[in-house]
């Protein structure tokens, strides 16, 4: 799963519903910007093996949160509404 392949509304959905820890959120955001795992480890001051384990946890949360119907409803009702109001 490549986080950087998600479009912005999908990224926002996962940020909202995956209940990421602070560290998981940091990795998620770095990966959304196509930062390689090795560079993530460097930026987050972690060992690469720790980052790989963290990446697995993030991916599991994404898979668990993925419900296409729920995601589409949220994007249409919440995400786009925020943009229109802004």
C-alpha atoms as a PDB file:
ATOM      1  CA  UNK A   1       0.000   0.000   0.000  1.00  0.00           C
ATOM      2  CA  UNK A   2       1.434   3.343  -1.026  1.00  0.00           C
ATOM      3  CA  UNK A   3       0.091   6.166   1.101  1.00  0.00           C
ATOM      4  CA  UNK A   4       1.279   8.757  -1.410  1.00  0.00           C
ATOM      5  CA  UNK A   5      -1.142   7.298  -3.988  1.00  0.00           C
ATOM      6  CA  UNK A   6      -4.160   8.441  -1.961  1.00  0.00           C
ATOM      7  CA  UNK A   7      -5.848  11.683  -2.970  1.00  0.00           C
ATOM      8  CA  UNK A   8      -6.153  14.488  -0.422  1.00  0.00           C
ATOM      9  CA  UNK A   9      -9.765  13.717   0.623  1.00  0.00           C
ATOM     10  CA  UNK A  10      -8.765  10.095   1.314  1.00  0.00           C
ATOM     11  CA  UNK A  11      -5.748  11.223   3.348  1.00  0.00           C
ATOM     12  CA  UNK A  12      -8.036  13.462   5.424  1.00  0.00           C
ATOM     13  CA  UNK A  13     -10.465  10.563   5.930  1.00  0.00           C
ATOM     14  CA  UNK A  14      -7.689   8.356   7.295  1.00  0.00           C
ATOM     15  CA  UNK A  15      -6.379  11.141   9.526  1.00  0.00           C
ATOM     16  CA  UNK A  16      -9.888  11.506  10.926  1.00  0.00           C
ATOM     17  CA  UNK A  17     -10.795   7.830  11.400  1.00  0.00           C
ATOM     18  CA  UNK A  18      -7.603   5.806  11.946  1.00  0.00           C
ATOM     19  CA  UNK A  19      -6.959   7.049  15.457  1.00  0.00           C
ATOM     20  CA  UNK A  20      -3.234   7.366  14.750  1.00  0.00           C
ATOM     21  CA  UNK A  21      -0.863   7.966  17.617  1.00  0.00           C
ATOM     22  CA  UNK A  22       1.313  11.061  17.296  1.00  0.00           C
ATOM     23  CA  UNK A  23       4.204   8.977  15.943  1.00  0.00           C
ATOM     24  CA  UNK A  24       1.967   7.062  13.517  1.00  0.00           C
ATOM     25  CA  UNK A  25       0.507  10.346  12.268  1.00  0.00           C
ATOM     26  CA  UNK A  26       3.988  11.748  11.675  1.00  0.00           C
ATOM     27  CA  UNK A  27       4.954   8.690   9.620  1.00  0.00           C
ATOM     28  CA  UNK A  28       1.632   8.795   7.738  1.00  0.00           C
ATOM     29  CA  UNK A  29       2.179  12.452   6.815  1.00  0.00           C
ATOM     30  CA  UNK A  30       5.773  11.853   5.731  1.00  0.00           C
ATOM     31  CA  UNK A  31       4.763   8.877   3.599  1.00  0.00           C
ATOM     32  CA  UNK A  32       1.928  10.933   2.053  1.00  0.00           C
ATOM     33  CA  UNK A  33       4.687  13.270   0.827  1.00  0.00           C
ATOM     34  CA  UNK A  34       6.562  10.285  -0.707  1.00  0.00           C
ATOM     35  CA  UNK A  35       9.366  10.377   1.861  1.00  0.00           C
ATOM     36  CA  UNK A  36      11.204   7.011   1.790  1.00  0.00           C
ATOM     37  CA  UNK A  37      11.163   4.908   4.969  1.00  0.00           C
ATOM     38  CA  UNK A  38      14.906   5.403   5.451  1.00  0.00           C
ATOM     39  CA  UNK A  39      14.500   9.173   5.439  1.00  0.00           C
ATOM     40  CA  UNK A  40      11.457   8.880   7.738  1.00  0.00           C
ATOM     41  CA  UNK A  41      13.649   6.995  10.203  1.00  0.00           C
ATOM     42  CA  UNK A  42      16.242   9.737  10.031  1.00  0.00           C
ATOM     43  CA  UNK A  43      13.718  12.577  10.430  1.00  0.00           C
ATOM     44  CA  UNK A  44      11.917  10.798  13.278  1.00  0.00           C
ATOM     45  CA  UNK A  45      15.205   9.815  15.005  1.00  0.00           C
ATOM     46  CA  UNK A  46      14.288   6.114  14.925  1.00  0.00           C
ATOM     47  CA  UNK A  47      15.889   2.916  13.754  1.00  0.00           C
ATOM     48  CA  UNK A  48      14.689   1.694  10.341  1.00  0.00           C
ATOM     49  CA  UNK A  49      13.348  -1.516  11.905  1.00  0.00           C
ATOM     50  CA  UNK A  50      11.193   0.575  14.262  1.00  0.00           C
ATOM     51  CA  UNK A  51       9.878   2.592  11.315  1.00  0.00           C
ATOM     52  CA  UNK A  52       9.061  -0.580   9.392  1.00  0.00           C
ATOM     53  CA  UNK A  53       7.057  -1.931  12.354  1.00  0.00           C
ATOM     54  CA  UNK A  54       5.320   1.410  12.681  1.00  0.00           C
ATOM     55  CA  UNK A  55       4.533   1.363   8.970  1.00  0.00           C
ATOM     56  CA  UNK A  56       2.873  -2.032   9.345  1.00  0.00           C
ATOM     57  CA  UNK A  57       0.697  -0.654  12.171  1.00  0.00           C
ATOM     58  CA  UNK A  58      -0.276   2.377  10.090  1.00  0.00           C
ATOM     59  CA  UNK A  59      -1.175   0.172   7.123  1.00  0.00           C
ATOM     60  CA  UNK A  60      -3.281  -2.123   9.325  1.00  0.00           C
ATOM     61  CA  UNK A  61      -5.224   0.860  10.648  1.00  0.00           C
ATOM     62  CA  UNK A  62      -5.789   2.125   7.108  1.00  0.00           C
ATOM     63  CA  UNK A  63      -7.068  -1.273   5.993  1.00  0.00           C
ATOM     64  CA  UNK A  64      -9.335  -1.514   9.029  1.00  0.00           C
ATOM     65  CA  UNK A  65     -10.762   1.978   8.426  1.00  0.00           C
ATOM     66  CA  UNK A  66     -11.324   1.457   4.730  1.00  0.00           C
ATOM     67  CA  UNK A  67     -15.004   1.197   3.972  1.00  0.00           C
ATOM     68  CA  UNK A  68     -15.537   2.611   0.516  1.00  0.00           C
ATOM     69  CA  UNK A  69     -19.153   3.601   1.101  1.00  0.00           C
ATOM     70  CA  UNK A  70     -18.414   5.281   4.431  1.00  0.00           C
ATOM     71  CA  UNK A  71     -15.376   7.020   2.953  1.00  0.00           C
ATOM     72  CA  UNK A  72     -17.317   8.384  -0.029  1.00  0.00           C
ATOM     73  CA  UNK A  73     -20.120   9.600   2.230  1.00  0.00           C
ATOM     74  CA  UNK A  74     -17.659  11.345   4.557  1.00  0.00           C
ATOM     75  CA  UNK A  75     -15.766  12.947   1.674  1.00  0.00           C
ATOM     76  CA  UNK A  76     -18.976  14.212   0.102  1.00  0.00           C
ATOM     77  CA  UNK A  77     -20.618  15.428   3.317  1.00  0.00           C
ATOM     78  CA  UNK A  78     -17.694  16.616   5.431  1.00  0.00           C
ATOM     79  CA  UNK A  79     -14.512  17.128   3.412  1.00  0.00           C
ATOM     80  CA  UNK A  80     -16.004  19.084   0.521  1.00  0.00           C
ATOM     81  CA  UNK A  81     -18.226  21.058   2.894  1.00  0.00           C
ATOM     82  CA  UNK A  82     -15.125  22.216   4.808  1.00  0.00           C
ATOM     83  CA  UNK A  83     -13.543  23.402   1.556  1.00  0.00           C
ATOM     84  CA  UNK A  84     -16.662  25.251   0.444  1.00  0.00           C
ATOM     85  CA  UNK A  85     -16.987  27.055   3.791  1.00  0.00           C
ATOM     86  CA  UNK A  86     -13.267  27.977   3.944  1.00  0.00           C
END
